[in-house]
C-alpha atoms as a PDB file:
ATOM      1  CA  UNK A   1       9.255 -18.739  22.278  1.00  0.00           C
ATOM      2  CA  UNK A   2      10.850 -21.426  21.451  1.00  0.00           C
ATOM      3  CA  UNK A   3      12.422 -24.262  24.196  1.00  0.00           C
ATOM      4  CA  UNK A   4      16.193 -24.354  24.735  1.00  0.00           C
ATOM      5  CA  UNK A   5      18.346 -27.173  26.332  1.00  0.00           C
ATOM      6  CA  UNK A   6      18.477 -25.502  29.099  1.00  0.00           C
ATOM      7  CA  UNK A   7      14.499 -25.177  29.437  1.00  0.00           C
ATOM      8  CA  UNK A   8      14.345 -28.716  28.831  1.00  0.00           C
ATOM      9  CA  UNK A   9      16.670 -30.260  31.432  1.00  0.00           C
ATOM     10  CA  UNK A  10      14.378 -27.949  33.751  1.00  0.00           C
ATOM     11  CA  UNK A  11      11.360 -29.620  32.661  1.00  0.00           C
ATOM     12  CA  UNK A  12      13.197 -32.828  32.823  1.00  0.00           C
ATOM     13  CA  UNK A  13      13.403 -32.008  36.724  1.00  0.00           C
ATOM     14  CA  UNK A  14       9.895 -31.449  37.001  1.00  0.00           C
ATOM     15  CA  UNK A  15       8.361 -35.239  38.288  1.00  0.00           C
ATOM     16  CA  UNK A  16       5.226 -35.097  36.036  1.00  0.00           C
ATOM     17  CA  UNK A  17       8.332 -35.336  33.131  1.00  0.00           C
ATOM     18  CA  UNK A  18      11.166 -36.708  34.525  1.00  0.00           C
ATOM     19  CA  UNK A  19      10.761 -40.257  33.237  1.00  0.00           C
ATOM     20  CA  UNK A  20       8.786 -40.153  29.948  1.00  0.00           C
ATOM     21  CA  UNK A  21      10.015 -41.280  26.516  1.00  0.00           C
ATOM     22  CA  UNK A  22      11.456 -38.787  24.789  1.00  0.00           C
ATOM     23  CA  UNK A  23       9.074 -39.745  21.921  1.00  0.00           C
ATOM     24  CA  UNK A  24       6.072 -38.980  24.316  1.00  0.00           C
ATOM     25  CA  UNK A  25       7.931 -35.720  25.467  1.00  0.00           C
ATOM     26  CA  UNK A  26       8.182 -34.655  21.432  1.00  0.00           C
ATOM     27  CA  UNK A  27       4.481 -35.385  21.454  1.00  0.00           C
ATOM     28  CA  UNK A  28       3.506 -33.068  24.679  1.00  0.00           C
ATOM     29  CA  UNK A  29       5.618 -30.282  23.596  1.00  0.00           C
ATOM     30  CA  UNK A  30       5.021 -30.214  19.805  1.00  0.00           C
ATOM     31  CA  UNK A  31       1.728 -27.916  20.478  1.00  0.00           C
ATOM     32  CA  UNK A  32       3.011 -26.772  23.967  1.00  0.00           C
ATOM     33  CA  UNK A  33       4.381 -23.189  24.069  1.00  0.00           C
ATOM     34  CA  UNK A  34       7.279 -21.201  26.497  1.00  0.00           C
ATOM     35  CA  UNK A  35       5.225 -17.807  28.407  1.00  0.00           C
ATOM     36  CA  UNK A  36       7.063 -15.235  30.682  1.00  0.00           C
ATOM     37  CA  UNK A  37       4.509 -13.861  32.897  1.00  0.00           C
ATOM     38  CA  UNK A  38       5.358 -10.871  34.715  1.00  0.00           C
ATOM     39  CA  UNK A  39       4.937 -10.213  38.604  1.00  0.00           C
ATOM     40  CA  UNK A  40       0.643  -9.829  39.101  1.00  0.00           C
ATOM     41  CA  UNK A  41      -0.228 -11.252  35.557  1.00  0.00           C
ATOM     42  CA  UNK A  42      -2.704 -13.734  35.431  1.00  0.00           C
ATOM     43  CA  UNK A  43      -2.438 -17.741  34.401  1.00  0.00           C
ATOM     44  CA  UNK A  44      -5.752 -18.321  34.642  1.00  0.00           C
ATOM     45  CA  UNK A  45      -9.099 -17.190  36.380  1.00  0.00           C
ATOM     46  CA  UNK A  46     -11.622 -19.183  38.585  1.00  0.00           C
ATOM     47  CA  UNK A  47     -14.211 -20.856  36.867  1.00  0.00           C
ATOM     48  CA  UNK A  48     -11.970 -20.303  33.381  1.00  0.00           C
ATOM     49  CA  UNK A  49     -11.925 -23.803  31.197  1.00  0.00           C
ATOM     50  CA  UNK A  50      -8.821 -25.944  31.742  1.00  0.00           C
ATOM     51  CA  UNK A  51      -7.075 -25.058  28.302  1.00  0.00           C
ATOM     52  CA  UNK A  52      -3.293 -25.919  29.475  1.00  0.00           C
ATOM     53  CA  UNK A  53      -1.153 -27.647  32.364  1.00  0.00           C
ATOM     54  CA  UNK A  54       1.196 -25.574  33.320  1.00  0.00           C
ATOM     55  CA  UNK A  55       4.733 -26.504  34.394  1.00  0.00           C
ATOM     56  CA  UNK A  56       6.907 -24.076  35.874  1.00  0.00           C
ATOM     57  CA  UNK A  57      10.565 -23.404  35.329  1.00  0.00           C
ATOM     58  CA  UNK A  58      11.234 -20.168  36.899  1.00  0.00           C
ATOM     59  CA  UNK A  59       9.615 -17.765  39.402  1.00  0.00           C
ATOM     60  CA  UNK A  60       6.593 -18.809  41.714  1.00  0.00           C
ATOM     61  CA  UNK A  61       2.985 -18.908  41.056  1.00  0.00           C
ATOM     62  CA  UNK A  62       0.563 -17.921  43.568  1.00  0.00           C
ATOM     63  CA  UNK A  63      -2.748 -19.528  43.785  1.00  0.00           C
ATOM     64  CA  UNK A  64      -5.747 -17.504  45.114  1.00  0.00           C
ATOM     65  CA  UNK A  65      -9.158 -17.785  46.182  1.00  0.00           C
ATOM     66  CA  UNK A  66     -10.704 -14.594  45.151  1.00  0.00           C
ATOM     67  CA  UNK A  67     -14.408 -15.784  44.919  1.00  0.00           C
ATOM     68  CA  UNK A  68     -15.539 -13.005  47.100  1.00  0.00           C
ATOM     69  CA  UNK A  69     -13.643 -10.099  45.334  1.00  0.00           C
ATOM     70  CA  UNK A  70     -10.456 -10.452  47.541  1.00  0.00           C
ATOM     71  CA  UNK A  71      -7.504 -12.295  46.687  1.00  0.00           C
ATOM     72  CA  UNK A  72      -6.317 -14.775  49.361  1.00  0.00           C
ATOM     73  CA  UNK A  73      -3.294 -16.591  48.908  1.00  0.00           C
ATOM     74  CA  UNK A  74      -4.142 -20.325  48.942  1.00  0.00           C
ATOM     75  CA  UNK A  75      -0.723 -21.740  48.118  1.00  0.00           C
ATOM     76  CA  UNK A  76       2.618 -20.881  46.178  1.00  0.00           C
ATOM     77  CA  UNK A  77       4.059 -23.009  43.221  1.00  0.00           C
ATOM     78  CA  UNK A  78       7.833 -22.796  42.527  1.00  0.00           C
ATOM     79  CA  UNK A  79       9.685 -24.144  39.753  1.00  0.00           C
ATOM     80  CA  UNK A  80       9.902 -27.791  39.287  1.00  0.00           C
ATOM     81  CA  UNK A  81       5.767 -28.039  40.379  1.00  0.00           C
ATOM     82  CA  UNK A  82       3.004 -28.277  37.907  1.00  0.00           C
ATOM     83  CA  UNK A  83       0.089 -26.522  37.847  1.00  0.00           C
ATOM     84  CA  UNK A  84      -3.879 -27.478  36.413  1.00  0.00           C
ATOM     85  CA  UNK A  85      -3.244 -31.043  36.362  1.00  0.00           C
ATOM     86  CA  UNK A  86      -6.683 -32.084  37.899  1.00  0.00           C
ATOM     87  CA  UNK A  87      -8.772 -29.588  36.187  1.00  0.00           C
ATOM     88  CA  UNK A  88      -7.426 -30.673  32.787  1.00  0.00           C
ATOM     89  CA  UNK A  89      -7.542 -34.163  33.148  1.00  0.00           C
ATOM     90  CA  UNK A  90     -11.575 -33.890  34.364  1.00  0.00           C
ATOM     91  CA  UNK A  91     -12.307 -30.916  32.470  1.00  0.00           C
ATOM     92  CA  UNK A  92     -13.606 -28.904  34.654  1.00  0.00           C
ATOM     93  CA  UNK A  93     -13.563 -24.912  35.384  1.00  0.00           C
ATOM     94  CA  UNK A  94     -10.470 -23.833  37.612  1.00  0.00           C
ATOM     95  CA  UNK A  95     -11.546 -23.672  41.219  1.00  0.00           C
ATOM     96  CA  UNK A  96      -9.191 -20.899  41.796  1.00  0.00           C
ATOM     97  CA  UNK A  97      -6.938 -18.266  40.412  1.00  0.00           C
ATOM     98  CA  UNK A  98      -3.606 -18.219  39.491  1.00  0.00           C
ATOM     99  CA  UNK A  99      -1.115 -15.298  39.092  1.00  0.00           C
ATOM    100  CA  UNK A 100       2.460 -14.721  38.736  1.00  0.00           C
ATOM    101  CA  UNK A 101       4.214 -13.848  42.102  1.00  0.00           C
ATOM    102  CA  UNK A 102       7.504 -13.039  40.343  1.00  0.00           C
ATOM    103  CA  UNK A 103       8.710 -12.576  36.808  1.00  0.00           C
ATOM    104  CA  UNK A 104       8.234 -16.477  35.850  1.00  0.00           C
ATOM    105  CA  UNK A 105       8.719 -19.002  33.008  1.00  0.00           C
ATOM    106  CA  UNK A 106       6.013 -21.260  32.345  1.00  0.00           C
ATOM    107  CA  UNK A 107       5.660 -24.217  29.648  1.00  0.00           C
ATOM    108  CA  UNK A 108       2.051 -24.769  28.625  1.00  0.00           C
ATOM    109  CA  UNK A 109       0.896 -27.934  27.160  1.00  0.00           C
ATOM    110  CA  UNK A 110      -2.640 -28.002  25.812  1.00  0.00           C
ATOM    111  CA  UNK A 111      -4.916 -30.067  28.021  1.00  0.00           C
ATOM    112  CA  UNK A 112      -6.284 -31.931  25.426  1.00  0.00           C
ATOM    113  CA  UNK A 113      -2.987 -33.451  24.756  1.00  0.00           C
ATOM    114  CA  UNK A 114      -2.391 -33.904  28.338  1.00  0.00           C
ATOM    115  CA  UNK A 115      -6.040 -35.950  28.642  1.00  0.00           C
ATOM    116  CA  UNK A 116      -5.406 -38.109  25.438  1.00  0.00           C
ATOM    117  CA  UNK A 117      -1.977 -39.160  26.796  1.00  0.00           C
ATOM    118  CA  UNK A 118      -2.934 -39.906  30.467  1.00  0.00           C
ATOM    119  CA  UNK A 119      -4.794 -42.602  28.822  1.00  0.00           C
ATOM    120  CA  UNK A 120      -2.047 -43.700  26.768  1.00  0.00           C
ATOM    121  CA  UNK A 121       1.033 -43.609  28.433  1.00  0.00           C
ATOM    122  CA  UNK A 122       1.267 -44.919  31.923  1.00  0.00           C
ATOM    123  CA  UNK A 123       4.612 -42.970  32.782  1.00  0.00           C
ATOM    124  CA  UNK A 124       2.745 -39.552  31.968  1.00  0.00           C
ATOM    125  CA  UNK A 125      -0.086 -41.130  34.755  1.00  0.00           C
ATOM    126  CA  UNK A 126       2.581 -42.010  37.144  1.00  0.00           C
ATOM    127  CA  UNK A 127       4.297 -38.928  37.024  1.00  0.00           C
ATOM    128  CA  UNK A 128       0.612 -36.912  37.107  1.00  0.00           C
ATOM    129  CA  UNK A 129      -0.314 -38.858  40.285  1.00  0.00           C
ATOM    130  CA  UNK A 130       2.984 -38.007  42.063  1.00  0.00           C
ATOM    131  CA  UNK A 131       2.340 -34.945  41.456  1.00  0.00           C
ATOM    132  CA  UNK A 132      -1.343 -34.551  42.702  1.00  0.00           C
ATOM    133  CA  UNK A 133       0.136 -36.679  45.781  1.00  0.00           C
ATOM    134  CA  UNK A 134       2.865 -33.684  46.374  1.00  0.00           C
ATOM    135  CA  UNK A 135       0.368 -31.259  46.351  1.00  0.00           C
ATOM    136  CA  UNK A 136      -1.828 -33.430  49.060  1.00  0.00           C
ATOM    137  CA  UNK A 137       0.753 -33.908  51.134  1.00  0.00           C
ATOM    138  CA  UNK A 138       1.066 -29.523  51.224  1.00  0.00           C
ATOM    139  CA  UNK A 139      -2.205 -29.065  51.759  1.00  0.00           C
ATOM    140  CA  UNK A 140      -2.255 -31.534  54.726  1.00  0.00           C
ATOM    141  CA  UNK A 141       0.562 -29.410  56.348  1.00  0.00           C
ATOM    142  CA  UNK A 142      -1.398 -26.506  55.673  1.00  0.00           C
ATOM    143  CA  UNK A 143      -4.546 -27.578  57.499  1.00  0.00           C
ATOM    144  CA  UNK A 144      -2.325 -29.147  60.283  1.00  0.00           C
ATOM    145  CA  UNK A 145      -0.681 -25.025  60.575  1.00  0.00           C
ATOM    146  CA  UNK A 146      -3.894 -23.741  60.476  1.00  0.00           C
ATOM    147  CA  UNK A 147      -5.850 -26.112  63.147  1.00  0.00           C
ATOM    148  CA  UNK A 148      -3.295 -26.696  65.636  1.00  0.00           C
ATOM    149  CA  UNK A 149      -0.329 -24.307  65.293  1.00  0.00           C
ATOM    150  CA  UNK A 150      -0.291 -20.620  66.353  1.00  0.00           C
ATOM    151  CA  UNK A 151       1.122 -17.730  64.444  1.00  0.00           C
ATOM    152  CA  UNK A 152       4.651 -18.062  65.818  1.00  0.00           C
ATOM    153  CA  UNK A 153       4.569 -21.680  65.079  1.00  0.00           C
ATOM    154  CA  UNK A 154       3.467 -20.729  61.500  1.00  0.00           C
ATOM    155  CA  UNK A 155       6.202 -18.683  61.306  1.00  0.00           C
ATOM    156  CA  UNK A 156       8.854 -20.854  62.510  1.00  0.00           C
ATOM    157  CA  UNK A 157       7.615 -23.507  59.980  1.00  0.00           C
ATOM    158  CA  UNK A 158       8.055 -21.191  57.110  1.00  0.00           C
ATOM    159  CA  UNK A 159      11.721 -20.429  58.032  1.00  0.00           C
ATOM    160  CA  UNK A 160      12.534 -23.747  58.333  1.00  0.00           C
ATOM    161  CA  UNK A 161      11.318 -24.240  54.806  1.00  0.00           C
ATOM    162  CA  UNK A 162      13.304 -21.493  54.036  1.00  0.00           C
ATOM    163  CA  UNK A 163      16.522 -22.824  56.381  1.00  0.00           C
ATOM    164  CA  UNK A 164      16.021 -26.417  54.441  1.00  0.00           C
ATOM    165  CA  UNK A 165      18.329 -28.475  55.380  1.00  0.00           C
ATOM    166  CA  UNK A 166      20.915 -25.965  57.071  1.00  0.00           C
ATOM    167  CA  UNK A 167      22.124 -26.376  60.597  1.00  0.00           C
ATOM    168  CA  UNK A 168      23.125 -24.610  63.658  1.00  0.00           C
ATOM    169  CA  UNK A 169      23.289 -20.631  63.367  1.00  0.00           C
ATOM    170  CA  UNK A 170      22.213 -19.100  59.905  1.00  0.00           C
ATOM    171  CA  UNK A 171      20.990 -16.142  58.253  1.00  0.00           C
ATOM    172  CA  UNK A 172      17.859 -15.731  55.851  1.00  0.00           C
ATOM    173  CA  UNK A 173      16.473 -13.119  53.638  1.00  0.00           C
ATOM    174  CA  UNK A 174      12.863 -13.254  53.654  1.00  0.00           C
ATOM    175  CA  UNK A 175      11.749 -13.779  49.973  1.00  0.00           C
ATOM    176  CA  UNK A 176       8.532 -11.467  50.334  1.00  0.00           C
ATOM    177  CA  UNK A 177       7.371  -8.976  51.740  1.00  0.00           C
ATOM    178  CA  UNK A 178       5.330  -8.940  55.288  1.00  0.00           C
ATOM    179  CA  UNK A 179       1.791  -8.638  53.777  1.00  0.00           C
ATOM    180  CA  UNK A 180       2.645 -11.597  51.569  1.00  0.00           C
ATOM    181  CA  UNK A 181       3.885 -13.986  54.106  1.00  0.00           C
ATOM    182  CA  UNK A 182       0.935 -12.971  56.632  1.00  0.00           C
ATOM    183  CA  UNK A 183      -1.326 -13.867  53.784  1.00  0.00           C
ATOM    184  CA  UNK A 184       0.657 -17.088  52.932  1.00  0.00           C
ATOM    185  CA  UNK A 185       0.286 -17.973  56.853  1.00  0.00           C
ATOM    186  CA  UNK A 186      -2.878 -16.957  57.502  1.00  0.00           C
ATOM    187  CA  UNK A 187      -2.483 -14.789  60.034  1.00  0.00           C
ATOM    188  CA  UNK A 188      -3.131 -10.749  60.084  1.00  0.00           C
ATOM    189  CA  UNK A 189       0.204  -8.502  59.480  1.00  0.00           C
ATOM    190  CA  UNK A 190      -0.247  -7.070  62.890  1.00  0.00           C
ATOM    191  CA  UNK A 191      -0.047 -10.799  64.337  1.00  0.00           C
ATOM    192  CA  UNK A 192       3.193 -11.480  61.737  1.00  0.00           C
ATOM    193  CA  UNK A 193       5.202  -8.338  63.370  1.00  0.00           C
ATOM    194  CA  UNK A 194       3.779  -9.569  66.827  1.00  0.00           C
ATOM    195  CA  UNK A 195       4.754 -12.984  66.332  1.00  0.00           C
ATOM    196  CA  UNK A 196       8.640 -12.255  65.309  1.00  0.00           C
ATOM    197  CA  UNK A 197       9.142 -10.320  68.087  1.00  0.00           C
ATOM    198  CA  UNK A 198       8.022 -13.380  69.973  1.00  0.00           C
ATOM    199  CA  UNK A 199       9.919 -15.613  68.593  1.00  0.00           C
ATOM    200  CA  UNK A 200      12.929 -13.544  69.821  1.00  0.00           C
ATOM    201  CA  UNK A 201      12.769 -15.891  73.035  1.00  0.00           C
ATOM    202  CA  UNK A 202      14.015 -18.830  71.052  1.00  0.00           C
ATOM    203  CA  UNK A 203      17.045 -17.206  69.443  1.00  0.00           C
ATOM    204  CA  UNK A 204      15.032 -15.374  65.960  1.00  0.00           C
ATOM    205  CA  UNK A 205      15.464 -11.581  65.480  1.00  0.00           C
ATOM    206  CA  UNK A 206      14.496 -10.316  62.149  1.00  0.00           C
ATOM    207  CA  UNK A 207      15.600  -7.032  60.813  1.00  0.00           C
ATOM    208  CA  UNK A 208      14.552  -5.879  57.630  1.00  0.00           C
ATOM    209  CA  UNK A 209      14.224  -8.964  55.468  1.00  0.00           C
ATOM    210  CA  UNK A 210      17.694 -10.339  57.087  1.00  0.00           C
ATOM    211  CA  UNK A 211      16.645 -13.514  59.878  1.00  0.00           C
ATOM    212  CA  UNK A 212      19.056 -14.172  62.459  1.00  0.00           C
ATOM    213  CA  UNK A 213      18.635 -17.778  63.398  1.00  0.00           C
ATOM    214  CA  UNK A 214      20.431 -18.435  66.534  1.00  0.00           C
ATOM    215  CA  UNK A 215      19.865 -22.609  66.477  1.00  0.00           C
ATOM    216  CA  UNK A 216      17.943 -24.224  63.845  1.00  0.00           C
ATOM    217  CA  UNK A 217      17.007 -27.192  65.908  1.00  0.00           C
ATOM    218  CA  UNK A 218      16.040 -25.047  68.915  1.00  0.00           C
ATOM    219  CA  UNK A 219      13.431 -22.962  66.312  1.00  0.00           C
ATOM    220  CA  UNK A 220      12.400 -26.798  64.747  1.00  0.00           C
ATOM    221  CA  UNK A 221      11.359 -28.121  68.417  1.00  0.00           C
ATOM    222  CA  UNK A 222       9.593 -25.213  69.126  1.00  0.00           C
ATOM    223  CA  UNK A 223       8.045 -24.912  65.966  1.00  0.00           C
ATOM    224  CA  UNK A 224       6.767 -28.839  66.679  1.00  0.00           C
ATOM    225  CA  UNK A 225       6.043 -28.389  70.154  1.00  0.00           C
ATOM    226  CA  UNK A 226       2.444 -28.558  72.088  1.00  0.00           C
ATOM    227  CA  UNK A 227       0.604 -25.683  72.912  1.00  0.00           C
ATOM    228  CA  UNK A 228       1.331 -25.854  76.761  1.00  0.00           C
ATOM    229  CA  UNK A 229       5.189 -25.820  75.583  1.00  0.00           C
ATOM    230  CA  UNK A 230       4.750 -22.792  73.265  1.00  0.00           C
ATOM    231  CA  UNK A 231       3.104 -20.404  76.122  1.00  0.00           C
ATOM    232  CA  UNK A 232       6.284 -21.734  78.072  1.00  0.00           C
ATOM    233  CA  UNK A 233       8.772 -20.790  75.599  1.00  0.00           C
ATOM    234  CA  UNK A 234       7.440 -17.775  74.578  1.00  0.00           C
ATOM    235  CA  UNK A 235       5.268 -16.375  77.773  1.00  0.00           C
ATOM    236  CA  UNK A 236       2.704 -16.157  74.932  1.00  0.00           C
ATOM    237  CA  UNK A 237      -1.073 -17.721  74.251  1.00  0.00           C
ATOM    238  CA  UNK A 238      -1.219 -15.742  70.489  1.00  0.00           C
ATOM    239  CA  UNK A 239      -2.701 -17.507  67.814  1.00  0.00           C
END
């Protein structure tokens, strides 16, 4: 599938490629290709050799741990982000499996081309480093959520991510079903339903996929509170 001007503009929004000289961009795209992935379609499997670096232009990609035969969602990669960079640079097999969550459009750049230019081009090395730093930051947030926040606080942070920078009273539409969200947050579906009910005490109401938040700042204060403050706010010790 050829690259359209809109594809190239979208790729330039990716931190890895944002500041690359035109000549370098042309070099990297010479053997690259655009591919569409249907929901559930595999980009790569755990233990596969890294053949491409994947730049996401549209849709979302789920990163799964399936070492024991069961898919466990680890992370969701969104447009403007890149996956498989570390595996490509280290020439090591993929540690996890990647599947499309939605209909996704992905630019696939041969890993060998990325490795070659990484050692020659500081702009590319810098972009890949920024991508890795962003990934490590997200991973740190996930660790904090799992170790220090209960299920209702994790949902609160998830909702705040959907709210972005909006304030006051807002209405959100959940992009995924309850099973997917529960897997993303590391809780059971039953805990998710129970925790949504408990969030009613801080002004959160859910009906289907529509969630109303009475006050974003109140939700943010709750999501960042200590465990004792959470119990006082919701009357619960849920985990």
